[in-house]
C-alpha cells in the first residue's frame, strides 16, 4: 500500500474475524515496526505476545476497573481520567457502571494481544519536574505502538491502542511477570478486521496549526 493510504486508513479496529494472525506475519509486522524512533535511540521497549485464553480472561478482569471509571466519567459528561480537571463522579456511580463489551470483546476475540512495555531507565522524561502529568516519556514508546498498527494495516490486519488495564498496572505486571523498572504503555489487540475502513475523519490542518505564535493564523495549502 501507498504510505499515505496506510496513514489515512489505519482505524481503531475492535471487531475481528476468526482468521488467525500467524507468527510469521506477526514477525513481519514487528520486524518493520521496530524501526520507530526512541529517545537517544535507546530502544527500551519490550513486547509480551499473549495468545493464551486463560491469560486473556485475567486481562479482561484487570481491564474492568479502569474501564468502569472511564465510562462512568464519560456518562457524566467529563473527560474520562482527566489529569487536569478533577472528577465529580462518586465511587458509587463508578461501581454501578457496566463495562461495555466493546472494551472486553477485542481482548477475547483478537488472535493475539500485545502488551507493550518500556524500560523507565531508558526514558528521558524532561517534563518530570513540571506541575502537570508527564507526557514526554511517551515519545520513547508510542511511535513503536503506532508503527505496529501501520504495519498491521499494510498486512491486512488491524488493532487498537488500549490503556484501560494500565490503571491496574501492578496486577497486570504480576500476571505477565513484567519486572521493574518496566512500565506498561499499551495493550494492543491485533487481528483481521471484520470491516476495514477506507476513510477516516480528522481535524483539518487549518484547525490544528498556529503560525509563529498561538495567536497566529493557520497553515493553509
C-alpha atoms as a PDB file:
ATOM      1  CA  UNK A   1       0.000   0.000   0.000  1.00  0.00           C
ATOM      2  CA  UNK A   2       0.993   3.612  -0.520  1.00  0.00           C
ATOM      3  CA  UNK A   3       2.328   5.175   2.695  1.00  0.00           C
ATOM      4  CA  UNK A   4      -0.256   7.962   2.731  1.00  0.00           C
ATOM      5  CA  UNK A   5      -3.070   5.471   2.110  1.00  0.00           C
ATOM      6  CA  UNK A   6      -1.917   3.463   5.134  1.00  0.00           C
ATOM      7  CA  UNK A   7      -1.752   6.601   7.283  1.00  0.00           C
ATOM      8  CA  UNK A   8      -5.219   7.733   6.197  1.00  0.00           C
ATOM      9  CA  UNK A   9      -6.929   4.340   6.643  1.00  0.00           C
ATOM     10  CA  UNK A  10      -5.421   2.919   9.824  1.00  0.00           C
ATOM     11  CA  UNK A  11      -8.518   2.943  12.000  1.00  0.00           C
ATOM     12  CA  UNK A  12      -9.076   1.694  15.552  1.00  0.00           C
ATOM     13  CA  UNK A  13     -10.147  -1.909  14.935  1.00  0.00           C
ATOM     14  CA  UNK A  14     -12.148  -3.652  17.663  1.00  0.00           C
ATOM     15  CA  UNK A  15     -14.145  -6.229  15.681  1.00  0.00           C
ATOM     16  CA  UNK A  16     -12.190  -9.200  14.396  1.00  0.00           C
ATOM     17  CA  UNK A  17     -12.910 -12.220  12.215  1.00  0.00           C
ATOM     18  CA  UNK A  18     -11.913 -15.745  13.218  1.00  0.00           C
ATOM     19  CA  UNK A  19      -8.878 -15.586  10.938  1.00  0.00           C
ATOM     20  CA  UNK A  20      -5.578 -16.317  12.681  1.00  0.00           C
ATOM     21  CA  UNK A  21      -2.633 -13.959  12.783  1.00  0.00           C
ATOM     22  CA  UNK A  22       0.243 -16.355  12.064  1.00  0.00           C
ATOM     23  CA  UNK A  23       3.565 -15.950  13.829  1.00  0.00           C
ATOM     24  CA  UNK A  24       5.369 -15.242  10.570  1.00  0.00           C
ATOM     25  CA  UNK A  25       3.017 -12.347   9.734  1.00  0.00           C
ATOM     26  CA  UNK A  26       3.249 -11.003  13.267  1.00  0.00           C
ATOM     27  CA  UNK A  27       7.026 -11.220  12.998  1.00  0.00           C
ATOM     28  CA  UNK A  28       6.898  -9.206   9.758  1.00  0.00           C
ATOM     29  CA  UNK A  29       4.745  -6.568  11.449  1.00  0.00           C
ATOM     30  CA  UNK A  30       7.097  -6.247  14.413  1.00  0.00           C
ATOM     31  CA  UNK A  31      10.215  -6.509  12.237  1.00  0.00           C
ATOM     32  CA  UNK A  32       9.136  -3.353  10.418  1.00  0.00           C
ATOM     33  CA  UNK A  33       7.589  -1.554  13.398  1.00  0.00           C
ATOM     34  CA  UNK A  34      10.849  -1.798  15.374  1.00  0.00           C
ATOM     35  CA  UNK A  35      12.364   0.992  13.265  1.00  0.00           C
ATOM     36  CA  UNK A  36      10.307   3.537  15.183  1.00  0.00           C
ATOM     37  CA  UNK A  37      12.362   6.272  16.854  1.00  0.00           C
ATOM     38  CA  UNK A  38      13.012   6.408  20.601  1.00  0.00           C
ATOM     39  CA  UNK A  39      14.795   8.849  22.890  1.00  0.00           C
ATOM     40  CA  UNK A  40      18.536   8.626  22.295  1.00  0.00           C
ATOM     41  CA  UNK A  41      17.820   5.552  20.158  1.00  0.00           C
ATOM     42  CA  UNK A  42      17.892   3.613  23.449  1.00  0.00           C
ATOM     43  CA  UNK A  43      15.135   1.258  22.230  1.00  0.00           C
ATOM     44  CA  UNK A  44      13.883   0.469  25.706  1.00  0.00           C
ATOM     45  CA  UNK A  45      10.723  -1.333  24.597  1.00  0.00           C
ATOM     46  CA  UNK A  46       9.706  -4.949  25.175  1.00  0.00           C
ATOM     47  CA  UNK A  47       6.539  -6.693  23.959  1.00  0.00           C
ATOM     48  CA  UNK A  48       4.682  -9.564  25.606  1.00  0.00           C
ATOM     49  CA  UNK A  49       2.769 -11.564  22.961  1.00  0.00           C
ATOM     50  CA  UNK A  50      -0.370 -13.055  24.524  1.00  0.00           C
ATOM     51  CA  UNK A  51      -2.439 -15.764  22.860  1.00  0.00           C
ATOM     52  CA  UNK A  52      -3.479 -17.921  25.840  1.00  0.00           C
ATOM     53  CA  UNK A  53      -7.224 -17.680  26.562  1.00  0.00           C
ATOM     54  CA  UNK A  54      -6.842 -18.008  30.338  1.00  0.00           C
ATOM     55  CA  UNK A  55      -4.376 -15.132  30.421  1.00  0.00           C
ATOM     56  CA  UNK A  56      -6.761 -13.058  28.313  1.00  0.00           C
ATOM     57  CA  UNK A  57      -9.633 -13.635  30.727  1.00  0.00           C
ATOM     58  CA  UNK A  58      -7.487 -12.391  33.578  1.00  0.00           C
ATOM     59  CA  UNK A  59      -6.500  -9.446  31.391  1.00  0.00           C
ATOM     60  CA  UNK A  60     -10.211  -8.674  30.925  1.00  0.00           C
ATOM     61  CA  UNK A  61     -10.650  -8.676  34.714  1.00  0.00           C
ATOM     62  CA  UNK A  62      -7.705  -6.325  35.144  1.00  0.00           C
ATOM     63  CA  UNK A  63      -9.104  -4.041  32.452  1.00  0.00           C
ATOM     64  CA  UNK A  64     -12.525  -3.704  34.090  1.00  0.00           C
ATOM     65  CA  UNK A  65     -11.813  -1.210  36.937  1.00  0.00           C
ATOM     66  CA  UNK A  66     -10.189   1.394  34.700  1.00  0.00           C
ATOM     67  CA  UNK A  67     -12.865   0.942  32.047  1.00  0.00           C
ATOM     68  CA  UNK A  68     -15.666   1.224  34.598  1.00  0.00           C
ATOM     69  CA  UNK A  69     -14.337   4.553  35.862  1.00  0.00           C
ATOM     70  CA  UNK A  70     -13.749   5.742  32.284  1.00  0.00           C
ATOM     71  CA  UNK A  71     -17.332   5.110  31.239  1.00  0.00           C
ATOM     72  CA  UNK A  72     -18.827   6.454  34.465  1.00  0.00           C
ATOM     73  CA  UNK A  73     -16.995   9.734  33.911  1.00  0.00           C
ATOM     74  CA  UNK A  74     -17.909   9.764  30.244  1.00  0.00           C
ATOM     75  CA  UNK A  75     -21.598   9.262  31.080  1.00  0.00           C
ATOM     76  CA  UNK A  76     -21.342  12.253  33.427  1.00  0.00           C
ATOM     77  CA  UNK A  77     -20.072  14.440  30.594  1.00  0.00           C
ATOM     78  CA  UNK A  78     -16.495  14.529  31.848  1.00  0.00           C
ATOM     79  CA  UNK A  79     -13.265  13.893  30.015  1.00  0.00           C
ATOM     80  CA  UNK A  80     -12.501  10.392  31.349  1.00  0.00           C
ATOM     81  CA  UNK A  81      -9.419  10.020  33.546  1.00  0.00           C
ATOM     82  CA  UNK A  82      -8.502  13.680  33.105  1.00  0.00           C
ATOM     83  CA  UNK A  83      -5.346  14.676  34.935  1.00  0.00           C
ATOM     84  CA  UNK A  84      -6.341  18.327  34.567  1.00  0.00           C
ATOM     85  CA  UNK A  85      -9.993  18.581  35.622  1.00  0.00           C
ATOM     86  CA  UNK A  86     -10.987  16.850  38.891  1.00  0.00           C
ATOM     87  CA  UNK A  87     -13.819  14.342  38.581  1.00  0.00           C
ATOM     88  CA  UNK A  88     -17.125  14.807  40.372  1.00  0.00           C
ATOM     89  CA  UNK A  89     -18.173  11.205  39.780  1.00  0.00           C
ATOM     90  CA  UNK A  90     -18.676   9.247  43.004  1.00  0.00           C
ATOM     91  CA  UNK A  91     -17.350   5.791  43.787  1.00  0.00           C
ATOM     92  CA  UNK A  92     -20.965   4.604  43.920  1.00  0.00           C
ATOM     93  CA  UNK A  93     -21.531   5.837  40.373  1.00  0.00           C
ATOM     94  CA  UNK A  94     -18.384   4.058  39.243  1.00  0.00           C
ATOM     95  CA  UNK A  95     -19.434   0.816  40.915  1.00  0.00           C
ATOM     96  CA  UNK A  96     -22.831   0.939  39.214  1.00  0.00           C
ATOM     97  CA  UNK A  97     -21.367   1.444  35.730  1.00  0.00           C
ATOM     98  CA  UNK A  98     -21.206  -1.559  33.424  1.00  0.00           C
ATOM     99  CA  UNK A  99     -18.129  -2.253  31.342  1.00  0.00           C
ATOM    100  CA  UNK A 100     -19.151  -2.191  27.653  1.00  0.00           C
ATOM    101  CA  UNK A 101     -18.493  -5.274  25.572  1.00  0.00           C
ATOM    102  CA  UNK A 102     -16.580  -3.060  23.139  1.00  0.00           C
ATOM    103  CA  UNK A 103     -13.857  -2.834  25.798  1.00  0.00           C
ATOM    104  CA  UNK A 104     -13.561  -6.522  26.638  1.00  0.00           C
ATOM    105  CA  UNK A 105     -14.527  -8.282  23.386  1.00  0.00           C
ATOM    106  CA  UNK A 106     -11.369  -7.250  21.470  1.00  0.00           C
ATOM    107  CA  UNK A 107      -9.162  -8.787  24.169  1.00  0.00           C
ATOM    108  CA  UNK A 108     -11.101 -12.042  23.903  1.00  0.00           C
ATOM    109  CA  UNK A 109     -11.643 -12.143  20.142  1.00  0.00           C
ATOM    110  CA  UNK A 110      -8.352 -10.942  18.657  1.00  0.00           C
ATOM    111  CA  UNK A 111      -5.980 -13.767  17.751  1.00  0.00           C
ATOM    112  CA  UNK A 112      -3.178 -12.005  19.594  1.00  0.00           C
ATOM    113  CA  UNK A 113      -2.836  -9.291  22.222  1.00  0.00           C
ATOM    114  CA  UNK A 114       0.399  -7.327  22.507  1.00  0.00           C
ATOM    115  CA  UNK A 115       1.377  -5.780  25.821  1.00  0.00           C
ATOM    116  CA  UNK A 116       3.932  -3.079  25.060  1.00  0.00           C
ATOM    117  CA  UNK A 117       6.312  -2.121  27.874  1.00  0.00           C
ATOM    118  CA  UNK A 118       9.064   0.453  28.230  1.00  0.00           C
ATOM    119  CA  UNK A 119      12.158   0.429  30.412  1.00  0.00           C
ATOM    120  CA  UNK A 120      11.931   3.573  32.557  1.00  0.00           C
ATOM    121  CA  UNK A 121      15.733   3.656  32.777  1.00  0.00           C
ATOM    122  CA  UNK A 122      15.798   4.366  29.027  1.00  0.00           C
ATOM    123  CA  UNK A 123      13.245   7.183  29.088  1.00  0.00           C
ATOM    124  CA  UNK A 124      14.237  10.856  29.148  1.00  0.00           C
ATOM    125  CA  UNK A 125      11.263  12.471  30.914  1.00  0.00           C
ATOM    126  CA  UNK A 126      12.175  16.127  30.501  1.00  0.00           C
ATOM    127  CA  UNK A 127       8.830  17.225  31.936  1.00  0.00           C
ATOM    128  CA  UNK A 128       9.145  15.281  35.195  1.00  0.00           C
ATOM    129  CA  UNK A 129       9.550  18.427  37.316  1.00  0.00           C
ATOM    130  CA  UNK A 130       6.676  20.352  35.774  1.00  0.00           C
ATOM    131  CA  UNK A 131       3.434  20.741  37.657  1.00  0.00           C
ATOM    132  CA  UNK A 132       1.416  18.564  35.310  1.00  0.00           C
ATOM    133  CA  UNK A 133       1.074  14.960  34.230  1.00  0.00           C
ATOM    134  CA  UNK A 134       4.134  13.641  32.367  1.00  0.00           C
ATOM    135  CA  UNK A 135       3.863  13.393  28.573  1.00  0.00           C
ATOM    136  CA  UNK A 136       7.356  13.473  27.096  1.00  0.00           C
ATOM    137  CA  UNK A 137       8.405   9.956  28.126  1.00  0.00           C
ATOM    138  CA  UNK A 138       5.793   8.522  25.784  1.00  0.00           C
ATOM    139  CA  UNK A 139       7.927   9.636  22.852  1.00  0.00           C
ATOM    140  CA  UNK A 140      10.171   6.649  23.542  1.00  0.00           C
ATOM    141  CA  UNK A 141       7.406   4.048  23.168  1.00  0.00           C
ATOM    142  CA  UNK A 142       4.275   5.276  21.375  1.00  0.00           C
ATOM    143  CA  UNK A 143       5.919   5.720  17.955  1.00  0.00           C
ATOM    144  CA  UNK A 144       6.581   1.963  18.101  1.00  0.00           C
ATOM    145  CA  UNK A 145       2.970   1.247  19.054  1.00  0.00           C
ATOM    146  CA  UNK A 146       1.704   3.324  16.151  1.00  0.00           C
ATOM    147  CA  UNK A 147       4.193   1.688  13.779  1.00  0.00           C
ATOM    148  CA  UNK A 148       2.742  -1.683  14.817  1.00  0.00           C
ATOM    149  CA  UNK A 149      -0.728  -0.549  13.756  1.00  0.00           C
ATOM    150  CA  UNK A 150       0.563   0.916  10.491  1.00  0.00           C
ATOM    151  CA  UNK A 151       2.443  -2.286   9.674  1.00  0.00           C
ATOM    152  CA  UNK A 152      -0.593  -4.377  10.624  1.00  0.00           C
ATOM    153  CA  UNK A 153      -2.737  -2.305   8.259  1.00  0.00           C
ATOM    154  CA  UNK A 154      -0.225  -2.892   5.487  1.00  0.00           C
ATOM    155  CA  UNK A 155      -0.509  -6.655   6.071  1.00  0.00           C
ATOM    156  CA  UNK A 156      -4.316  -6.590   6.052  1.00  0.00           C
ATOM    157  CA  UNK A 157      -4.718  -6.700   9.817  1.00  0.00           C
ATOM    158  CA  UNK A 158      -5.669  -4.117  12.401  1.00  0.00           C
ATOM    159  CA  UNK A 159      -5.954  -3.304  16.075  1.00  0.00           C
ATOM    160  CA  UNK A 160      -6.303  -0.511  18.562  1.00  0.00           C
ATOM    161  CA  UNK A 161      -4.285   1.129  21.320  1.00  0.00           C
ATOM    162  CA  UNK A 162      -5.898   0.450  24.690  1.00  0.00           C
ATOM    163  CA  UNK A 163      -4.735   1.665  28.091  1.00  0.00           C
ATOM    164  CA  UNK A 164      -7.606   0.706  30.423  1.00  0.00           C
ATOM    165  CA  UNK A 165      -5.639  -2.133  32.031  1.00  0.00           C
ATOM    166  CA  UNK A 166      -2.786   0.191  32.975  1.00  0.00           C
ATOM    167  CA  UNK A 167      -4.913   1.674  35.753  1.00  0.00           C
ATOM    168  CA  UNK A 168      -4.243  -1.666  37.476  1.00  0.00           C
ATOM    169  CA  UNK A 169      -0.620  -1.942  36.367  1.00  0.00           C
ATOM    170  CA  UNK A 170       0.660  -3.869  39.417  1.00  0.00           C
ATOM    171  CA  UNK A 171      -1.828  -6.688  38.738  1.00  0.00           C
ATOM    172  CA  UNK A 172      -1.007  -6.607  35.027  1.00  0.00           C
ATOM    173  CA  UNK A 173       2.711  -6.825  35.680  1.00  0.00           C
ATOM    174  CA  UNK A 174       2.208  -9.674  38.123  1.00  0.00           C
ATOM    175  CA  UNK A 175       0.087 -11.570  35.572  1.00  0.00           C
ATOM    176  CA  UNK A 176       2.756 -11.363  32.877  1.00  0.00           C
ATOM    177  CA  UNK A 177       5.876 -11.366  35.056  1.00  0.00           C
ATOM    178  CA  UNK A 178       6.915  -7.902  33.888  1.00  0.00           C
ATOM    179  CA  UNK A 179       9.882  -6.821  36.019  1.00  0.00           C
ATOM    180  CA  UNK A 180      10.891  -3.479  37.448  1.00  0.00           C
ATOM    181  CA  UNK A 181      11.698  -0.918  36.159  1.00  0.00           C
ATOM    182  CA  UNK A 182       9.387  -1.557  33.184  1.00  0.00           C
ATOM    183  CA  UNK A 183       6.103   0.315  32.760  1.00  0.00           C
ATOM    184  CA  UNK A 184       3.206  -0.830  30.611  1.00  0.00           C
ATOM    185  CA  UNK A 185       2.420   1.655  27.826  1.00  0.00           C
ATOM    186  CA  UNK A 186      -0.315  -0.078  25.830  1.00  0.00           C
ATOM    187  CA  UNK A 187      -2.360  -3.222  25.369  1.00  0.00           C
ATOM    188  CA  UNK A 188      -2.946  -3.809  21.646  1.00  0.00           C
ATOM    189  CA  UNK A 189      -5.377  -6.463  20.333  1.00  0.00           C
ATOM    190  CA  UNK A 190      -4.476  -7.408  16.744  1.00  0.00           C
ATOM    191  CA  UNK A 191      -6.410  -9.396  14.164  1.00  0.00           C
ATOM    192  CA  UNK A 192      -8.221  -9.428  10.840  1.00  0.00           C
ATOM    193  CA  UNK A 193     -10.838  -6.647  10.790  1.00  0.00           C
ATOM    194  CA  UNK A 194     -14.460  -7.555  10.151  1.00  0.00           C
ATOM    195  CA  UNK A 195     -14.627  -4.299   8.192  1.00  0.00           C
ATOM    196  CA  UNK A 196     -11.680  -2.249   7.021  1.00  0.00           C
ATOM    197  CA  UNK A 197     -12.471   1.463   6.969  1.00  0.00           C
ATOM    198  CA  UNK A 198     -11.239   3.333   3.924  1.00  0.00           C
ATOM    199  CA  UNK A 199     -11.902   6.880   5.069  1.00  0.00           C
ATOM    200  CA  UNK A 200     -11.317   8.446   8.471  1.00  0.00           C
ATOM    201  CA  UNK A 201     -12.476  11.787   9.843  1.00  0.00           C
ATOM    202  CA  UNK A 202      -9.905  14.040  11.468  1.00  0.00           C
ATOM    203  CA  UNK A 203      -9.462  17.741  12.187  1.00  0.00           C
ATOM    204  CA  UNK A 204      -8.213  19.765   9.226  1.00  0.00           C
ATOM    205  CA  UNK A 205      -4.683  21.152   9.132  1.00  0.00           C
ATOM    206  CA  UNK A 206      -6.192  24.637   9.425  1.00  0.00           C
ATOM    207  CA  UNK A 207      -7.811  23.603  12.711  1.00  0.00           C
ATOM    208  CA  UNK A 208      -4.625  22.418  14.395  1.00  0.00           C
ATOM    209  CA  UNK A 209      -1.885  24.792  13.265  1.00  0.00           C
ATOM    210  CA  UNK A 210      -0.701  28.207  14.507  1.00  0.00           C
ATOM    211  CA  UNK A 211       1.843  30.170  12.508  1.00  0.00           C
ATOM    212  CA  UNK A 212       4.729  31.560  14.577  1.00  0.00           C
ATOM    213  CA  UNK A 213       2.566  32.134  17.701  1.00  0.00           C
ATOM    214  CA  UNK A 214      -0.535  30.602  19.329  1.00  0.00           C
ATOM    215  CA  UNK A 215      -2.454  33.645  18.090  1.00  0.00           C
ATOM    216  CA  UNK A 216      -1.085  33.273  14.582  1.00  0.00           C
ATOM    217  CA  UNK A 217      -3.253  32.208  11.686  1.00  0.00           C
ATOM    218  CA  UNK A 218      -3.461  28.598  10.465  1.00  0.00           C
ATOM    219  CA  UNK A 219      -1.226  26.945   7.893  1.00  0.00           C
ATOM    220  CA  UNK A 220      -3.071  26.737   4.584  1.00  0.00           C
ATOM    221  CA  UNK A 221      -2.307  24.833   1.422  1.00  0.00           C
END
